Amino acid sequence: MATAPTRKGERRDPLVVRDLEFIGGMASAGGWRPEPTLPEIAFAGRSNVGKSSLINRLLSRKKIARVSNTPGRTREINFFKVNDAFVVVDLPGYGYARISKEKRAEWRPLIESYLAERSSLAGVLLLIDIRRGPQDEELDFVPWLEARKTPIVVALTKADKLAKNKRMLEIGKAKKALGLRRDPFPVSAQTGDGLDALWRAVLALVDKR
């Protein structure tokens, strides 16, 4: 993976995004999807977790993933090729109350069929709002992924909204609730805090493929 050149003592970016391409969207469980030729990292989370903002910040783009005042706008699984090296997969958000139960029921087989069947899936980045912690969906989702031996990295978004001592408390609570082996990553798309460490964890999954 390409990193930014630095002089001694300067910060080194985990990844320099030189080329970014939207490949397409998968709209149904049996629908189109790209050929599984590159490792894929799937971004998952509740509809109001700030997933689009985080993807845009990680990829150093303003509008590659839609940012909306109405969570739940992503209707498809969207694929973005990064540096011809790996693919970021933006899954539809789940759990948003203003999205109909019927629509949520439609998305579940779409998401589960992709995660269960995709041979090129290198891992899942699960996003959880640090202020709300893991809820029923996440408590079910993590064991579901582990049963399929899917690598998982957990990030706690909107960490800038909490004081440091409260942040550390929520990290411990999430780790225990989800049965994680390592601490989840507290991150902020607004300030950029924690994103370098998160990128390194994600890229480590890519490099294992």
C-alpha atoms as a PDB file:
ATOM      1  CA  MET A   1       0.000   0.000   0.000  1.00  0.00           C
ATOM      2  CA  ALA A   2       1.302   3.473  -0.870  1.00  0.00           C
ATOM      3  CA  THR A   3       2.046   5.844   1.991  1.00  0.00           C
ATOM      4  CA  ALA A   4       2.895   9.504   1.896  1.00  0.00           C
ATOM      5  CA  PRO A   5       6.619  10.386   1.807  1.00  0.00           C
ATOM      6  CA  THR A   6       7.729  12.222   4.929  1.00  0.00           C
ATOM      7  CA  ARG A   7      10.714  14.012   6.348  1.00  0.00           C
ATOM      8  CA  LYS A   8      12.073  12.934   9.708  1.00  0.00           C
ATOM      9  CA  GLY A   9       9.593  13.617  12.508  1.00  0.00           C
ATOM     10  CA  GLU A  10       6.642  14.243  10.190  1.00  0.00           C
ATOM     11  CA  ARG A  11       3.375  12.308  10.321  1.00  0.00           C
ATOM     12  CA  ARG A  12       3.047   9.464   7.816  1.00  0.00           C
ATOM     13  CA  ASP A  13      -0.385   8.810   6.322  1.00  0.00           C
ATOM     14  CA  PRO A  14      -1.331   5.106   6.357  1.00  0.00           C
ATOM     15  CA  LEU A  15      -2.679   5.414   2.817  1.00  0.00           C
ATOM     16  CA  VAL A  16      -2.451   7.919  -0.028  1.00  0.00           C
ATOM     17  CA  VAL A  17      -5.554   7.649  -2.219  1.00  0.00           C
ATOM     18  CA  ARG A  18      -4.228   8.347  -5.706  1.00  0.00           C
ATOM     19  CA  ASP A  19      -6.997   6.705  -7.681  1.00  0.00           C
ATOM     20  CA  LEU A  20     -10.617   6.197  -6.683  1.00  0.00           C
ATOM     21  CA  GLU A  21     -13.330   4.743  -8.892  1.00  0.00           C
ATOM     22  CA  PHE A  22     -17.004   4.063  -8.273  1.00  0.00           C
ATOM     23  CA  ILE A  23     -17.529   0.614  -9.797  1.00  0.00           C
ATOM     24  CA  GLY A  24     -21.279   0.279  -9.371  1.00  0.00           C
ATOM     25  CA  GLY A  25     -24.112  -0.709  -7.066  1.00  0.00           C
ATOM     26  CA  MET A  26     -25.626  -4.058  -6.117  1.00  0.00           C
ATOM     27  CA  ALA A  27     -29.376  -3.597  -5.741  1.00  0.00           C
ATOM     28  CA  SER A  28     -30.600  -7.146  -5.046  1.00  0.00           C
ATOM     29  CA  ALA A  29     -29.307 -10.338  -3.472  1.00  0.00           C
ATOM     30  CA  GLY A  30     -28.945 -11.983  -6.864  1.00  0.00           C
ATOM     31  CA  GLY A  31     -28.022  -8.843  -8.743  1.00  0.00           C
ATOM     32  CA  TRP A  32     -24.877  -7.430 -10.313  1.00  0.00           C
ATOM     33  CA  ARG A  33     -21.662  -7.307  -8.348  1.00  0.00           C
ATOM     34  CA  PRO A  34     -18.062  -6.752  -9.475  1.00  0.00           C
ATOM     35  CA  GLU A  35     -15.771  -9.649 -10.240  1.00  0.00           C
ATOM     36  CA  PRO A  36     -14.098 -10.744  -6.974  1.00  0.00           C
ATOM     37  CA  THR A  37     -10.571  -9.925  -8.125  1.00  0.00           C
ATOM     38  CA  LEU A  38      -9.549  -7.501  -5.350  1.00  0.00           C
ATOM     39  CA  PRO A  39      -9.856  -7.668  -1.544  1.00  0.00           C
ATOM     40  CA  GLU A  40     -13.001  -5.942  -0.258  1.00  0.00           C
ATOM     41  CA  ILE A  41     -13.632  -4.136   3.031  1.00  0.00           C
ATOM     42  CA  ALA A  42     -17.320  -3.704   3.865  1.00  0.00           C
ATOM     43  CA  PHE A  43     -18.432  -0.695   5.923  1.00  0.00           C
ATOM     44  CA  ALA A  44     -21.496  -1.500   8.040  1.00  0.00           C
ATOM     45  CA  GLY A  45     -23.483   0.418  10.622  1.00  0.00           C
ATOM     46  CA  ARG A  46     -26.757   1.961  11.646  1.00  0.00           C
ATOM     47  CA  SER A  47     -28.218   4.570   9.323  1.00  0.00           C
ATOM     48  CA  ASN A  48     -27.358   7.504  11.596  1.00  0.00           C
ATOM     49  CA  VAL A  49     -23.848   6.391  12.590  1.00  0.00           C
ATOM     50  CA  GLY A  50     -22.020   8.792  10.234  1.00  0.00           C
ATOM     51  CA  LYS A  51     -20.812   6.129   7.794  1.00  0.00           C
ATOM     52  CA  SER A  52     -20.817   8.319   4.678  1.00  0.00           C
ATOM     53  CA  SER A  53     -18.903  11.099   6.426  1.00  0.00           C
ATOM     54  CA  LEU A  54     -16.318   8.619   7.648  1.00  0.00           C
ATOM     55  CA  ILE A  55     -15.856   7.045   4.200  1.00  0.00           C
ATOM     56  CA  ASN A  56     -15.409  10.487   2.642  1.00  0.00           C
ATOM     57  CA  ARG A  57     -12.836  11.462   5.277  1.00  0.00           C
ATOM     58  CA  LEU A  58     -10.894   8.201   5.029  1.00  0.00           C
ATOM     59  CA  LEU A  59     -10.769   8.411   1.244  1.00  0.00           C
ATOM     60  CA  SER A  60      -9.928  12.142   1.268  1.00  0.00           C
ATOM     61  CA  ARG A  61     -12.961  13.015  -0.841  1.00  0.00           C
ATOM     62  CA  LYS A  62     -15.916  15.268  -0.106  1.00  0.00           C
ATOM     63  CA  LYS A  63     -18.735  13.524  -1.920  1.00  0.00           C
ATOM     64  CA  ILE A  64     -17.687   9.996  -2.858  1.00  0.00           C
ATOM     65  CA  ALA A  65     -20.261   8.635  -0.389  1.00  0.00           C
ATOM     66  CA  ARG A  66     -23.553  10.494  -0.069  1.00  0.00           C
ATOM     67  CA  VAL A  67     -23.936  12.602   3.070  1.00  0.00           C
ATOM     68  CA  SER A  68     -27.563  13.390   3.800  1.00  0.00           C
ATOM     69  CA  ASN A  69     -29.656  14.982   6.513  1.00  0.00           C
ATOM     70  CA  THR A  70     -31.913  11.956   6.108  1.00  0.00           C
ATOM     71  CA  PRO A  71     -30.135   8.771   7.247  1.00  0.00           C
ATOM     72  CA  GLY A  72     -30.872   5.606   5.320  1.00  0.00           C
ATOM     73  CA  ARG A  73     -30.505   7.101   1.846  1.00  0.00           C
ATOM     74  CA  THR A  74     -28.151   4.366   0.630  1.00  0.00           C
ATOM     75  CA  ARG A  75     -30.383   1.852  -1.144  1.00  0.00           C
ATOM     76  CA  GLU A  76     -27.707  -0.355  -2.705  1.00  0.00           C
ATOM     77  CA  ILE A  77     -24.380  -1.905  -1.857  1.00  0.00           C
ATOM     78  CA  ASN A  78     -21.909   0.486  -3.474  1.00  0.00           C
ATOM     79  CA  PHE A  79     -18.391  -0.513  -4.548  1.00  0.00           C
ATOM     80  CA  PHE A  80     -15.404   1.897  -4.731  1.00  0.00           C
ATOM     81  CA  LYS A  81     -12.036   0.732  -6.086  1.00  0.00           C
ATOM     82  CA  VAL A  82      -9.060   2.314  -4.294  1.00  0.00           C
ATOM     83  CA  ASN A  83      -5.655   2.578  -6.008  1.00  0.00           C
ATOM     84  CA  ASP A  84      -6.451  -0.548  -8.042  1.00  0.00           C
ATOM     85  CA  ALA A  85      -5.520  -2.393  -4.835  1.00  0.00           C
ATOM     86  CA  PHE A  86      -8.736  -3.015  -2.877  1.00  0.00           C
ATOM     87  CA  VAL A  87     -12.436  -2.148  -2.799  1.00  0.00           C
ATOM     88  CA  VAL A  88     -14.401  -0.215  -0.190  1.00  0.00           C
ATOM     89  CA  VAL A  89     -17.947  -1.578   0.033  1.00  0.00           C
ATOM     90  CA  ASP A  90     -20.613   0.768   1.403  1.00  0.00           C
ATOM     91  CA  LEU A  91     -23.480  -1.317   2.817  1.00  0.00           C
ATOM     92  CA  PRO A  92     -26.971   0.169   3.333  1.00  0.00           C
ATOM     93  CA  GLY A  93     -27.472   1.484   6.856  1.00  0.00           C
ATOM     94  CA  TYR A  94     -29.823  -0.401   9.129  1.00  0.00           C
ATOM     95  CA  GLY A  95     -32.072   0.312  12.093  1.00  0.00           C
ATOM     96  CA  TYR A  96     -33.322   3.799  11.198  1.00  0.00           C
ATOM     97  CA  ALA A  97     -36.837   4.263  12.580  1.00  0.00           C
ATOM     98  CA  ARG A  98     -38.107   6.412   9.692  1.00  0.00           C
ATOM     99  CA  ILE A  99     -37.318   3.725   7.132  1.00  0.00           C
ATOM    100  CA  SER A 100     -40.267   1.359   6.737  1.00  0.00           C
ATOM    101  CA  LYS A 101     -40.095  -2.140   8.166  1.00  0.00           C
ATOM    102  CA  GLU A 102     -40.711  -3.454   4.679  1.00  0.00           C
ATOM    103  CA  LYS A 103     -37.671  -1.623   3.301  1.00  0.00           C
ATOM    104  CA  ARG A 104     -35.486  -2.824   6.161  1.00  0.00           C
ATOM    105  CA  ALA A 105     -36.700  -6.367   5.511  1.00  0.00           C
ATOM    106  CA  GLU A 106     -35.668  -5.987   1.848  1.00  0.00           C
ATOM    107  CA  TRP A 107     -32.168  -4.840   2.755  1.00  0.00           C
ATOM    108  CA  ARG A 108     -31.416  -7.679   5.163  1.00  0.00           C
ATOM    109  CA  PRO A 109     -31.140 -10.460   2.531  1.00  0.00           C
ATOM    110  CA  LEU A 110     -29.183  -8.069   0.299  1.00  0.00           C
ATOM    111  CA  ILE A 111     -26.596  -7.419   3.004  1.00  0.00           C
ATOM    112  CA  GLU A 112     -26.487 -10.953   4.368  1.00  0.00           C
ATOM    113  CA  SER A 113     -26.164 -12.585   0.953  1.00  0.00           C
ATOM    114  CA  TYR A 114     -23.203 -10.353   0.127  1.00  0.00           C
ATOM    115  CA  LEU A 115     -21.449 -10.943   3.457  1.00  0.00           C
ATOM    116  CA  ALA A 116     -22.085 -14.684   3.510  1.00  0.00           C
ATOM    117  CA  GLU A 117     -21.162 -15.438  -0.100  1.00  0.00           C
ATOM    118  CA  ARG A 118     -18.448 -12.965  -1.113  1.00  0.00           C
ATOM    119  CA  SER A 119     -15.157 -14.800  -1.611  1.00  0.00           C
ATOM    120  CA  SER A 120     -13.147 -11.571  -1.889  1.00  0.00           C
ATOM    121  CA  LEU A 121     -14.381 -10.132   1.428  1.00  0.00           C
ATOM    122  CA  ALA A 122     -11.287  -9.327   3.494  1.00  0.00           C
ATOM    123  CA  GLY A 123     -13.214  -8.042   6.493  1.00  0.00           C
ATOM    124  CA  VAL A 124     -15.975  -5.849   7.890  1.00  0.00           C
ATOM    125  CA  LEU A 125     -15.582  -2.441   9.484  1.00  0.00           C
ATOM    126  CA  LEU A 126     -18.508  -2.113  11.898  1.00  0.00           C
ATOM    127  CA  LEU A 127     -19.359   1.435  12.939  1.00  0.00           C
ATOM    128  CA  ILE A 128     -21.151   2.195  16.210  1.00  0.00           C
ATOM    129  CA  ASP A 129     -22.075   5.601  17.604  1.00  0.00           C
ATOM    130  CA  ILE A 130     -19.949   5.929  20.751  1.00  0.00           C
ATOM    131  CA  ARG A 131     -22.750   7.799  22.532  1.00  0.00           C
ATOM    132  CA  ARG A 132     -25.226   4.945  22.079  1.00  0.00           C
ATOM    133  CA  GLY A 133     -23.001   1.892  22.244  1.00  0.00           C
ATOM    134  CA  PRO A 134     -23.798  -1.545  20.817  1.00  0.00           C
ATOM    135  CA  GLN A 135     -27.500  -2.256  20.382  1.00  0.00           C
ATOM    136  CA  ASP A 136     -29.414  -5.411  19.510  1.00  0.00           C
ATOM    137  CA  GLU A 137     -28.347  -5.358  15.844  1.00  0.00           C
ATOM    138  CA  GLU A 138     -24.636  -5.166  16.688  1.00  0.00           C
ATOM    139  CA  LEU A 139     -24.930  -7.766  19.454  1.00  0.00           C
ATOM    140  CA  ASP A 140     -26.378 -10.159  16.854  1.00  0.00           C
ATOM    141  CA  PHE A 141     -24.161  -9.056  13.967  1.00  0.00           C
ATOM    142  CA  VAL A 142     -20.746  -9.648  15.542  1.00  0.00           C
ATOM    143  CA  PRO A 143     -21.409 -13.318  16.455  1.00  0.00           C
ATOM    144  CA  TRP A 144     -22.950 -13.826  12.981  1.00  0.00           C
ATOM    145  CA  LEU A 145     -19.716 -12.618  11.378  1.00  0.00           C
ATOM    146  CA  GLU A 146     -17.531 -14.592  13.761  1.00  0.00           C
ATOM    147  CA  ALA A 147     -19.458 -17.788  12.994  1.00  0.00           C
ATOM    148  CA  ARG A 148     -18.467 -17.255   9.356  1.00  0.00           C
ATOM    149  CA  LYS A 149     -14.867 -16.493  10.325  1.00  0.00           C
ATOM    150  CA  THR A 150     -15.153 -13.020   8.836  1.00  0.00           C
ATOM    151  CA  PRO A 151     -12.512 -10.634  10.241  1.00  0.00           C
ATOM    152  CA  ILE A 152     -14.047  -7.605  11.926  1.00  0.00           C
ATOM    153  CA  VAL A 153     -12.802  -4.199  13.045  1.00  0.00           C
ATOM    154  CA  VAL A 154     -15.072  -2.069  15.247  1.00  0.00           C
ATOM    155  CA  ALA A 155     -14.955   1.729  15.244  1.00  0.00           C
ATOM    156  CA  LEU A 156     -16.836   3.998  17.641  1.00  0.00           C
ATOM    157  CA  THR A 157     -17.840   7.075  15.659  1.00  0.00           C
ATOM    158  CA  LYS A 158     -18.444  10.664  16.809  1.00  0.00           C
ATOM    159  CA  ALA A 159     -15.832  10.305  19.548  1.00  0.00           C
ATOM    160  CA  ASP A 160     -15.355  14.091  19.560  1.00  0.00           C
ATOM    161  CA  LYS A 161     -18.795  14.372  21.182  1.00  0.00           C
ATOM    162  CA  LEU A 162     -17.527  12.859  24.451  1.00  0.00           C
ATOM    163  CA  ALA A 163     -14.919  13.917  26.993  1.00  0.00           C
ATOM    164  CA  LYS A 164     -11.834  11.692  27.083  1.00  0.00           C
ATOM    165  CA  ASN A 165     -12.718   9.944  30.355  1.00  0.00           C
ATOM    166  CA  LYS A 166     -16.238   9.177  29.137  1.00  0.00           C
ATOM    167  CA  ARG A 167     -14.818   8.015  25.816  1.00  0.00           C
ATOM    168  CA  MET A 168     -12.543   5.488  27.520  1.00  0.00           C
ATOM    169  CA  LEU A 169     -15.483   4.197  29.551  1.00  0.00           C
ATOM    170  CA  GLU A 170     -17.556   3.610  26.403  1.00  0.00           C
ATOM    171  CA  ILE A 171     -14.643   1.837  24.691  1.00  0.00           C
ATOM    172  CA  GLY A 172     -14.447  -0.638  27.577  1.00  0.00           C
ATOM    173  CA  LYS A 173     -18.193  -1.174  27.642  1.00  0.00           C
ATOM    174  CA  ALA A 174     -18.373  -1.832  23.894  1.00  0.00           C
ATOM    175  CA  LYS A 175     -15.430  -4.238  24.001  1.00  0.00           C
ATOM    176  CA  LYS A 176     -17.052  -6.256  26.767  1.00  0.00           C
ATOM    177  CA  ALA A 177     -20.552  -6.235  25.261  1.00  0.00           C
ATOM    178  CA  LEU A 178     -19.311  -7.445  21.870  1.00  0.00           C
ATOM    179  CA  GLY A 179     -16.757  -9.900  23.229  1.00  0.00           C
ATOM    180  CA  LEU A 180     -13.926  -8.268  21.267  1.00  0.00           C
ATOM    181  CA  ARG A 181     -10.298  -9.322  21.641  1.00  0.00           C
ATOM    182  CA  ARG A 182      -9.027  -5.762  21.168  1.00  0.00           C
ATOM    183  CA  ASP A 183     -10.373  -2.324  21.911  1.00  0.00           C
ATOM    184  CA  PRO A 184     -12.659  -0.738  19.339  1.00  0.00           C
ATOM    185  CA  PHE A 185     -11.238   2.378  17.676  1.00  0.00           C
ATOM    186  CA  PRO A 186     -12.685   5.731  18.818  1.00  0.00           C
ATOM    187  CA  VAL A 187     -12.825   7.979  15.742  1.00  0.00           C
ATOM    188  CA  SER A 188     -14.208  11.285  14.522  1.00  0.00           C
ATOM    189  CA  ALA A 189     -14.880  12.144  10.901  1.00  0.00           C
ATOM    190  CA  GLN A 190     -15.249  15.751  12.036  1.00  0.00           C
ATOM    191  CA  THR A 191     -11.790  16.162  13.601  1.00  0.00           C
ATOM    192  CA  GLY A 192      -9.935  13.222  12.045  1.00  0.00           C
ATOM    193  CA  ASP A 193      -9.055  11.810  15.480  1.00  0.00           C
ATOM    194  CA  GLY A 194      -8.287   8.098  15.437  1.00  0.00           C
ATOM    195  CA  LEU A 195      -8.534   7.687  11.668  1.00  0.00           C
ATOM    196  CA  ASP A 196      -4.872   6.805  11.084  1.00  0.00           C
ATOM    197  CA  ALA A 197      -5.024   3.933  13.574  1.00  0.00           C
ATOM    198  CA  LEU A 198      -8.302   2.750  12.076  1.00  0.00           C
ATOM    199  CA  TRP A 199      -6.897   2.831   8.531  1.00  0.00           C
ATOM    200  CA  ARG A 200      -3.893   0.759   9.626  1.00  0.00           C
ATOM    201  CA  ALA A 201      -6.181  -1.893  11.101  1.00  0.00           C
ATOM    202  CA  VAL A 202      -8.286  -1.989   7.938  1.00  0.00           C
ATOM    203  CA  LEU A 203      -5.266  -2.144   5.627  1.00  0.00           C
ATOM    204  CA  ALA A 204      -3.850  -4.991   7.692  1.00  0.00           C
ATOM    205  CA  LEU A 205      -6.939  -7.015   6.735  1.00  0.00           C
ATOM    206  CA  VAL A 206      -6.388  -6.151   3.081  1.00  0.00           C
ATOM    207  CA  ASP A 207      -2.755  -7.216   3.239  1.00  0.00           C
ATOM    208  CA  LYS A 208      -3.727 -10.629   4.641  1.00  0.00           C
ATOM    209  CA  ARG A 209      -5.716 -11.514   1.512  1.00  0.00           C
END
